[in-house]
Amino acid sequence: MDRYYVVFLISAAIVGLIFLFNKNDNLVKETLKKSAASKMIAFDSSPDLPVGFGYKTQWIAVKTSDTKSVVDSISLTDVHEANWRTGFAGTGSGYYFVSPPVQGWTLIINPLMPDLGAEISSDPLSFPLKAISYLSQRFGEAYYFGNHRIVGYYSWAKASKGIVERAFGYLGESGTIMLDQGVPTDEETSLNLVFSNLTINDGMKHPDEEDVLSIAKQWTIDPRMTEGEYNLGVGYSGKLNKHLGG
């Protein structure tokens, strides 16, 4: 009898452990699920006013008020209506925010979109200049801006009717001009933003983050949203299956 009693106790213990393991496993799964859900962006479609930006980010400005057509043209997936506040929040999780129209412009914002350095990489899809060329062919004008103070990356480019007319990129980390294509525009000249043959310790004026904001304001609109009248609006947030311009 004692032997059968011991076997019974062992069997009961095993069943109990299996139940406890399954219960804890389910709790872990539920906790992970809740944790993942908590990291999901809660996009809000309530119209709000534009949010100033321009530092530590990259963006494309397209000369159109037809935001939906811009979304369709870059083939976004997992698309959500998003106001400025939540649209910007989504850019930290891989989403591109396509803004509602601002003074005749639609903005495509994402700090991690390919930069001008990608032009010399082996990835054929990482072409920001190809992106603005394509968008300008459809909408008339498109501009690219990059501004990251940590590595000293400052760049700007413009395209009209499918042609990239001007592109400049500088990487302060190495003190090198990444790209200097086309003739400097009148706006660059008037703002003293014409650079050539720069090195790290040459004593000359080097591009900085304020320069990017200044040329963006001259070519398109002030990304800090401090000029003119602004309306409430809602844009879109979505992800790309491939890089812009691919």
C-alpha atoms as a PDB file:
ATOM      1  CA  MET A   1       0.000   0.000   0.000  1.00  0.00           C
ATOM      2  CA  ASP A   2       2.829   2.350   0.847  1.00  0.00           C
ATOM      3  CA  ARG A   3       4.322   1.840  -2.622  1.00  0.00           C
ATOM      4  CA  TYR A   4       1.029   2.689  -4.341  1.00  0.00           C
ATOM      5  CA  TYR A   5       0.597   5.690  -2.065  1.00  0.00           C
ATOM      6  CA  VAL A   6       4.047   6.988  -3.020  1.00  0.00           C
ATOM      7  CA  VAL A   7       3.289   6.482  -6.721  1.00  0.00           C
ATOM      8  CA  PHE A   8       0.018   8.390  -6.251  1.00  0.00           C
ATOM      9  CA  LEU A   9       1.811  11.292  -4.562  1.00  0.00           C
ATOM     10  CA  ILE A  10       4.430  11.464  -7.314  1.00  0.00           C
ATOM     11  CA  SER A  11       1.760  11.421 -10.039  1.00  0.00           C
ATOM     12  CA  ALA A  12      -0.213  14.130  -8.287  1.00  0.00           C
ATOM     13  CA  ALA A  13       2.902  16.251  -7.953  1.00  0.00           C
ATOM     14  CA  ILE A  14       3.704  15.889 -11.664  1.00  0.00           C
ATOM     15  CA  VAL A  15       0.159  16.855 -12.638  1.00  0.00           C
ATOM     16  CA  GLY A  16       0.365  19.848 -10.327  1.00  0.00           C
ATOM     17  CA  LEU A  17       3.674  20.979 -11.792  1.00  0.00           C
ATOM     18  CA  ILE A  18       2.340  20.657 -15.335  1.00  0.00           C
ATOM     19  CA  PHE A  19      -0.707  22.731 -14.409  1.00  0.00           C
ATOM     20  CA  LEU A  20       1.461  25.347 -12.686  1.00  0.00           C
ATOM     21  CA  PHE A  21       3.859  25.491 -15.643  1.00  0.00           C
ATOM     22  CA  ASN A  22       1.027  25.918 -18.134  1.00  0.00           C
ATOM     23  CA  LYS A  23      -0.563  28.555 -15.972  1.00  0.00           C
ATOM     24  CA  ASN A  24       2.695  30.477 -15.615  1.00  0.00           C
ATOM     25  CA  ASP A  25       3.451  30.028 -19.310  1.00  0.00           C
ATOM     26  CA  ASN A  26       0.074  31.520 -20.168  1.00  0.00           C
ATOM     27  CA  LEU A  27       0.717  34.359 -17.747  1.00  0.00           C
ATOM     28  CA  VAL A  28       4.073  35.048 -19.413  1.00  0.00           C
ATOM     29  CA  LYS A  29       2.444  35.001 -22.844  1.00  0.00           C
ATOM     30  CA  GLU A  30      -0.285  37.352 -21.673  1.00  0.00           C
ATOM     31  CA  THR A  31       2.269  39.655 -20.075  1.00  0.00           C
ATOM     32  CA  LEU A  32       4.333  39.744 -23.267  1.00  0.00           C
ATOM     33  CA  LYS A  33       1.190  40.360 -25.295  1.00  0.00           C
ATOM     34  CA  LYS A  34       0.177  43.230 -23.016  1.00  0.00           C
ATOM     35  CA  SER A  35       3.716  44.618 -23.098  1.00  0.00           C
ATOM     36  CA  ALA A  36       3.747  44.539 -26.896  1.00  0.00           C
ATOM     37  CA  ALA A  37       0.332  46.157 -27.009  1.00  0.00           C
ATOM     38  CA  SER A  38       1.522  48.909 -24.689  1.00  0.00           C
ATOM     39  CA  LYS A  39       4.305  49.713 -27.172  1.00  0.00           C
ATOM     40  CA  MET A  40       1.892  50.003 -30.088  1.00  0.00           C
ATOM     41  CA  ILE A  41       1.203  53.531 -31.224  1.00  0.00           C
ATOM     42  CA  ALA A  42      -2.291  54.735 -30.447  1.00  0.00           C
ATOM     43  CA  PHE A  43      -2.875  56.871 -33.510  1.00  0.00           C
ATOM     44  CA  ASP A  44      -5.377  59.663 -33.006  1.00  0.00           C
ATOM     45  CA  SER A  45      -7.440  61.053 -35.890  1.00  0.00           C
ATOM     46  CA  SER A  46      -8.537  64.159 -33.981  1.00  0.00           C
ATOM     47  CA  PRO A  47      -7.341  67.190 -35.963  1.00  0.00           C
ATOM     48  CA  ASP A  48      -4.633  69.257 -34.308  1.00  0.00           C
ATOM     49  CA  LEU A  49      -2.278  72.090 -35.230  1.00  0.00           C
ATOM     50  CA  PRO A  50       1.131  71.486 -36.814  1.00  0.00           C
ATOM     51  CA  VAL A  51       3.990  70.549 -34.503  1.00  0.00           C
ATOM     52  CA  GLY A  52       7.315  72.289 -35.010  1.00  0.00           C
ATOM     53  CA  PHE A  53      10.243  70.009 -35.911  1.00  0.00           C
ATOM     54  CA  GLY A  54      13.494  69.964 -37.878  1.00  0.00           C
ATOM     55  CA  TYR A  55      16.171  68.763 -35.487  1.00  0.00           C
ATOM     56  CA  LYS A  56      17.543  65.200 -35.475  1.00  0.00           C
ATOM     57  CA  THR A  57      15.305  64.125 -38.324  1.00  0.00           C
ATOM     58  CA  GLN A  58      14.865  63.841 -42.069  1.00  0.00           C
ATOM     59  CA  TRP A  59      11.947  64.851 -44.230  1.00  0.00           C
ATOM     60  CA  ILE A  60      10.700  65.402 -47.745  1.00  0.00           C
ATOM     61  CA  ALA A  61       8.502  68.345 -48.701  1.00  0.00           C
ATOM     62  CA  VAL A  62       6.159  67.842 -51.661  1.00  0.00           C
ATOM     63  CA  LYS A  63       4.452  70.775 -53.368  1.00  0.00           C
ATOM     64  CA  THR A  64       0.851  69.617 -53.025  1.00  0.00           C
ATOM     65  CA  SER A  65      -2.133  69.796 -50.689  1.00  0.00           C
ATOM     66  CA  ASP A  66      -3.315  66.349 -51.790  1.00  0.00           C
ATOM     67  CA  THR A  67      -1.911  64.367 -48.886  1.00  0.00           C
ATOM     68  CA  LYS A  68      -3.778  61.180 -49.789  1.00  0.00           C
ATOM     69  CA  SER A  69      -2.206  61.134 -53.242  1.00  0.00           C
ATOM     70  CA  VAL A  70       1.228  61.384 -51.648  1.00  0.00           C
ATOM     71  CA  VAL A  71       0.411  58.416 -49.401  1.00  0.00           C
ATOM     72  CA  ASP A  72      -0.733  56.404 -52.421  1.00  0.00           C
ATOM     73  CA  SER A  73       2.322  57.374 -54.455  1.00  0.00           C
ATOM     74  CA  ILE A  74       4.799  55.976 -51.921  1.00  0.00           C
ATOM     75  CA  SER A  75       2.794  52.780 -51.336  1.00  0.00           C
ATOM     76  CA  LEU A  76       2.522  52.889 -47.558  1.00  0.00           C
ATOM     77  CA  THR A  77       1.211  49.834 -45.739  1.00  0.00           C
ATOM     78  CA  ASP A  78      -0.405  49.524 -42.296  1.00  0.00           C
ATOM     79  CA  VAL A  79      -1.825  53.008 -42.865  1.00  0.00           C
ATOM     80  CA  HIS A  80      -3.560  54.900 -40.060  1.00  0.00           C
ATOM     81  CA  GLU A  81      -5.074  58.345 -39.924  1.00  0.00           C
ATOM     82  CA  ALA A  82      -2.867  60.297 -37.553  1.00  0.00           C
ATOM     83  CA  ASN A  83      -2.747  63.833 -36.262  1.00  0.00           C
ATOM     84  CA  TRP A  84       0.519  65.690 -35.781  1.00  0.00           C
ATOM     85  CA  ARG A  85       1.075  64.587 -32.183  1.00  0.00           C
ATOM     86  CA  THR A  86       0.601  60.856 -32.725  1.00  0.00           C
ATOM     87  CA  GLY A  87       2.064  60.931 -36.223  1.00  0.00           C
ATOM     88  CA  PHE A  88       5.357  62.154 -34.803  1.00  0.00           C
ATOM     89  CA  ALA A  89       5.173  59.565 -32.024  1.00  0.00           C
ATOM     90  CA  GLY A  90       4.889  56.858 -34.666  1.00  0.00           C
ATOM     91  CA  THR A  91       8.118  57.889 -36.414  1.00  0.00           C
ATOM     92  CA  GLY A  92      10.030  56.442 -33.472  1.00  0.00           C
ATOM     93  CA  SER A  93       8.523  53.030 -34.227  1.00  0.00           C
ATOM     94  CA  GLY A  94       9.323  52.865 -37.912  1.00  0.00           C
ATOM     95  CA  TYR A  95       6.288  54.707 -39.274  1.00  0.00           C
ATOM     96  CA  TYR A  96       6.472  57.450 -41.871  1.00  0.00           C
ATOM     97  CA  PHE A  97       4.266  60.420 -41.030  1.00  0.00           C
ATOM     98  CA  VAL A  98       2.689  62.085 -44.058  1.00  0.00           C
ATOM     99  CA  SER A  99       1.398  65.396 -42.784  1.00  0.00           C
ATOM    100  CA  PRO A 100      -1.830  67.167 -43.602  1.00  0.00           C
ATOM    101  CA  PRO A 101      -1.220  70.054 -45.996  1.00  0.00           C
ATOM    102  CA  VAL A 102       0.642  73.039 -44.554  1.00  0.00           C
ATOM    103  CA  GLN A 103       0.550  76.197 -46.636  1.00  0.00           C
ATOM    104  CA  GLY A 104       0.366  74.158 -49.841  1.00  0.00           C
ATOM    105  CA  TRP A 105       2.961  71.542 -48.844  1.00  0.00           C
ATOM    106  CA  THR A 106       2.759  67.925 -47.706  1.00  0.00           C
ATOM    107  CA  LEU A 107       5.628  66.632 -45.577  1.00  0.00           C
ATOM    108  CA  ILE A 108       6.972  63.070 -45.318  1.00  0.00           C
ATOM    109  CA  ILE A 109       8.825  62.744 -42.015  1.00  0.00           C
ATOM    110  CA  ASN A 110      10.961  59.934 -40.628  1.00  0.00           C
ATOM    111  CA  PRO A 111      14.339  60.277 -38.857  1.00  0.00           C
ATOM    112  CA  LEU A 112      15.513  56.881 -40.142  1.00  0.00           C
ATOM    113  CA  MET A 113      14.780  57.230 -43.845  1.00  0.00           C
ATOM    114  CA  PRO A 114      17.836  56.689 -46.095  1.00  0.00           C
ATOM    115  CA  ASP A 115      20.233  59.640 -46.118  1.00  0.00           C
ATOM    116  CA  LEU A 116      22.407  60.992 -48.912  1.00  0.00           C
ATOM    117  CA  GLY A 117      25.197  58.619 -47.894  1.00  0.00           C
ATOM    118  CA  ALA A 118      23.034  55.818 -49.213  1.00  0.00           C
ATOM    119  CA  GLU A 119      23.678  57.125 -52.703  1.00  0.00           C
ATOM    120  CA  ILE A 120      27.097  55.494 -52.618  1.00  0.00           C
ATOM    121  CA  SER A 121      25.979  52.326 -50.834  1.00  0.00           C
ATOM    122  CA  SER A 122      25.325  48.942 -52.399  1.00  0.00           C
ATOM    123  CA  ASP A 123      21.597  49.104 -51.596  1.00  0.00           C
ATOM    124  CA  PRO A 124      19.840  50.048 -54.860  1.00  0.00           C
ATOM    125  CA  LEU A 125      16.677  51.038 -52.999  1.00  0.00           C
ATOM    126  CA  SER A 126      18.284  53.669 -50.759  1.00  0.00           C
ATOM    127  CA  PHE A 127      18.070  56.685 -53.013  1.00  0.00           C
ATOM    128  CA  PRO A 128      16.584  59.852 -51.455  1.00  0.00           C
ATOM    129  CA  LEU A 129      17.384  61.777 -54.631  1.00  0.00           C
ATOM    130  CA  LYS A 130      15.508  59.189 -56.642  1.00  0.00           C
ATOM    131  CA  ALA A 131      12.599  59.670 -54.245  1.00  0.00           C
ATOM    132  CA  ILE A 132      12.352  63.422 -54.754  1.00  0.00           C
ATOM    133  CA  SER A 133      12.900  62.988 -58.485  1.00  0.00           C
ATOM    134  CA  TYR A 134       9.931  60.618 -58.623  1.00  0.00           C
ATOM    135  CA  LEU A 135       7.723  62.775 -56.405  1.00  0.00           C
ATOM    136  CA  SER A 136       8.558  65.963 -58.319  1.00  0.00           C
ATOM    137  CA  GLN A 137       7.699  64.241 -61.571  1.00  0.00           C
ATOM    138  CA  ARG A 138       4.224  63.598 -60.194  1.00  0.00           C
ATOM    139  CA  PHE A 139       3.664  66.749 -58.146  1.00  0.00           C
ATOM    140  CA  GLY A 140       5.969  69.314 -59.758  1.00  0.00           C
ATOM    141  CA  GLU A 141       8.379  69.981 -56.888  1.00  0.00           C
ATOM    142  CA  ALA A 142       9.917  67.912 -54.068  1.00  0.00           C
ATOM    143  CA  TYR A 143      12.697  68.644 -51.577  1.00  0.00           C
ATOM    144  CA  TYR A 144      14.754  66.555 -49.167  1.00  0.00           C
ATOM    145  CA  PHE A 145      16.299  67.708 -45.875  1.00  0.00           C
ATOM    146  CA  GLY A 146      18.497  65.864 -43.367  1.00  0.00           C
ATOM    147  CA  ASN A 147      19.518  67.232 -39.974  1.00  0.00           C
ATOM    148  CA  HIS A 148      21.345  65.123 -37.339  1.00  0.00           C
ATOM    149  CA  ARG A 149      23.660  66.987 -34.992  1.00  0.00           C
ATOM    150  CA  ILE A 150      25.126  63.858 -33.356  1.00  0.00           C
ATOM    151  CA  VAL A 151      27.095  62.908 -36.479  1.00  0.00           C
ATOM    152  CA  GLY A 152      26.959  66.394 -37.972  1.00  0.00           C
ATOM    153  CA  TYR A 153      24.862  65.321 -40.944  1.00  0.00           C
ATOM    154  CA  TYR A 154      23.384  68.315 -42.766  1.00  0.00           C
ATOM    155  CA  SER A 155      21.893  68.092 -46.234  1.00  0.00           C
ATOM    156  CA  TRP A 156      19.363  69.568 -48.610  1.00  0.00           C
ATOM    157  CA  ALA A 157      18.220  68.786 -52.138  1.00  0.00           C
ATOM    158  CA  LYS A 158      15.589  69.976 -54.591  1.00  0.00           C
ATOM    159  CA  ALA A 159      13.958  68.427 -57.635  1.00  0.00           C
ATOM    160  CA  SER A 160      11.607  69.850 -60.229  1.00  0.00           C
ATOM    161  CA  LYS A 161       9.575  67.922 -62.796  1.00  0.00           C
ATOM    162  CA  GLY A 162      11.622  64.774 -62.290  1.00  0.00           C
ATOM    163  CA  ILE A 163      15.059  66.434 -62.369  1.00  0.00           C
ATOM    164  CA  VAL A 164      17.301  66.861 -59.325  1.00  0.00           C
ATOM    165  CA  GLU A 165      18.548  70.410 -59.749  1.00  0.00           C
ATOM    166  CA  ARG A 166      20.582  70.782 -56.587  1.00  0.00           C
ATOM    167  CA  ALA A 167      21.850  68.500 -53.810  1.00  0.00           C
ATOM    168  CA  PHE A 168      24.305  69.109 -50.996  1.00  0.00           C
ATOM    169  CA  GLY A 169      25.318  66.837 -48.130  1.00  0.00           C
ATOM    170  CA  TYR A 170      27.925  67.257 -45.397  1.00  0.00           C
ATOM    171  CA  LEU A 171      29.089  64.864 -42.665  1.00  0.00           C
ATOM    172  CA  GLY A 172      30.721  66.738 -39.810  1.00  0.00           C
ATOM    173  CA  GLU A 173      31.870  63.563 -38.104  1.00  0.00           C
ATOM    174  CA  SER A 174      34.463  63.103 -40.835  1.00  0.00           C
ATOM    175  CA  GLY A 175      34.528  66.692 -42.084  1.00  0.00           C
ATOM    176  CA  THR A 176      33.665  65.650 -45.615  1.00  0.00           C
ATOM    177  CA  ILE A 177      31.266  66.845 -48.279  1.00  0.00           C
ATOM    178  CA  MET A 178      29.239  63.790 -49.214  1.00  0.00           C
ATOM    179  CA  LEU A 179      27.605  65.322 -52.275  1.00  0.00           C
ATOM    180  CA  ASP A 180      27.691  68.666 -54.039  1.00  0.00           C
ATOM    181  CA  GLN A 181      25.560  68.380 -57.160  1.00  0.00           C
ATOM    182  CA  GLY A 182      24.284  71.213 -59.323  1.00  0.00           C
ATOM    183  CA  VAL A 183      24.736  74.958 -59.054  1.00  0.00           C
ATOM    184  CA  PRO A 184      24.063  76.593 -55.652  1.00  0.00           C
ATOM    185  CA  THR A 185      20.716  78.346 -55.693  1.00  0.00           C
ATOM    186  CA  ASP A 186      20.107  82.028 -55.070  1.00  0.00           C
ATOM    187  CA  GLU A 187      18.660  81.127 -51.667  1.00  0.00           C
ATOM    188  CA  GLU A 188      21.835  79.285 -50.656  1.00  0.00           C
ATOM    189  CA  THR A 189      23.987  82.185 -51.809  1.00  0.00           C
ATOM    190  CA  SER A 190      21.942  84.795 -49.933  1.00  0.00           C
ATOM    191  CA  LEU A 191      22.099  82.687 -46.748  1.00  0.00           C
ATOM    192  CA  ASN A 192      25.860  82.126 -47.130  1.00  0.00           C
ATOM    193  CA  LEU A 193      25.325  78.399 -47.529  1.00  0.00           C
ATOM    194  CA  VAL A 194      27.825  77.748 -50.296  1.00  0.00           C
ATOM    195  CA  PHE A 195      30.536  75.347 -49.149  1.00  0.00           C
ATOM    196  CA  SER A 196      33.486  73.734 -50.917  1.00  0.00           C
ATOM    197  CA  ASN A 197      36.715  71.925 -50.022  1.00  0.00           C
ATOM    198  CA  LEU A 198      35.882  71.699 -46.323  1.00  0.00           C
ATOM    199  CA  THR A 199      38.042  69.840 -43.831  1.00  0.00           C
ATOM    200  CA  ILE A 200      37.539  69.354 -40.100  1.00  0.00           C
ATOM    201  CA  ASN A 201      40.074  71.953 -38.906  1.00  0.00           C
ATOM    202  CA  ASP A 202      40.201  74.447 -41.755  1.00  0.00           C
ATOM    203  CA  GLY A 203      38.797  77.364 -39.748  1.00  0.00           C
ATOM    204  CA  MET A 204      36.046  77.957 -42.307  1.00  0.00           C
ATOM    205  CA  LYS A 205      32.340  78.108 -41.622  1.00  0.00           C
ATOM    206  CA  HIS A 206      30.870  74.626 -41.746  1.00  0.00           C
ATOM    207  CA  PRO A 207      27.206  73.664 -42.255  1.00  0.00           C
ATOM    208  CA  ASP A 208      25.150  73.276 -39.099  1.00  0.00           C
ATOM    209  CA  GLU A 209      21.613  72.353 -38.088  1.00  0.00           C
ATOM    210  CA  GLU A 210      20.345  75.925 -38.291  1.00  0.00           C
ATOM    211  CA  ASP A 211      21.483  76.083 -41.911  1.00  0.00           C
ATOM    212  CA  VAL A 212      19.211  73.155 -42.780  1.00  0.00           C
ATOM    213  CA  LEU A 213      16.235  74.872 -41.175  1.00  0.00           C
ATOM    214  CA  SER A 214      17.051  78.143 -42.932  1.00  0.00           C
ATOM    215  CA  ILE A 215      17.204  76.667 -46.425  1.00  0.00           C
ATOM    216  CA  ALA A 216      14.099  74.573 -45.751  1.00  0.00           C
ATOM    217  CA  LYS A 217      12.251  77.760 -44.846  1.00  0.00           C
ATOM    218  CA  GLN A 218      13.444  79.504 -48.007  1.00  0.00           C
ATOM    219  CA  TRP A 219      12.721  76.627 -50.364  1.00  0.00           C
ATOM    220  CA  THR A 220       9.515  75.336 -48.779  1.00  0.00           C
ATOM    221  CA  ILE A 221       8.055  76.200 -45.367  1.00  0.00           C
ATOM    222  CA  ASP A 222       9.512  76.820 -41.929  1.00  0.00           C
ATOM    223  CA  PRO A 223       9.625  73.362 -40.257  1.00  0.00           C
ATOM    224  CA  ARG A 224       9.551  75.060 -36.862  1.00  0.00           C
ATOM    225  CA  MET A 225       6.043  76.232 -37.770  1.00  0.00           C
ATOM    226  CA  THR A 226       6.607  79.812 -36.663  1.00  0.00           C
ATOM    227  CA  GLU A 227       5.651  81.604 -39.877  1.00  0.00           C
ATOM    228  CA  GLY A 228       2.134  82.409 -41.103  1.00  0.00           C
ATOM    229  CA  GLU A 229      -1.252  80.864 -40.361  1.00  0.00           C
ATOM    230  CA  TYR A 230      -1.788  77.175 -39.606  1.00  0.00           C
ATOM    231  CA  ASN A 231      -4.906  75.037 -39.737  1.00  0.00           C
ATOM    232  CA  LEU A 232      -6.050  71.990 -37.834  1.00  0.00           C
ATOM    233  CA  GLY A 233      -5.506  68.803 -39.803  1.00  0.00           C
ATOM    234  CA  VAL A 234      -5.018  65.054 -39.898  1.00  0.00           C
ATOM    235  CA  GLY A 235      -2.403  63.159 -41.879  1.00  0.00           C
ATOM    236  CA  TYR A 236      -1.439  59.504 -42.258  1.00  0.00           C
ATOM    237  CA  SER A 237       1.119  57.172 -40.741  1.00  0.00           C
ATOM    238  CA  GLY A 238       2.282  53.984 -42.388  1.00  0.00           C
ATOM    239  CA  LYS A 239       5.241  51.749 -43.111  1.00  0.00           C
ATOM    240  CA  LEU A 240       7.173  51.173 -46.300  1.00  0.00           C
ATOM    241  CA  ASN A 241       7.833  47.780 -47.850  1.00  0.00           C
ATOM    242  CA  LYS A 242      10.857  49.322 -49.490  1.00  0.00           C
ATOM    243  CA  HIS A 243      12.836  52.542 -49.225  1.00  0.00           C
ATOM    244  CA  LEU A 244      11.572  55.781 -50.688  1.00  0.00           C
ATOM    245  CA  GLY A 245      12.653  56.017 -54.268  1.00  0.00           C
ATOM    246  CA  GLY A 246      12.991  52.263 -54.687  1.00  0.00           C
END
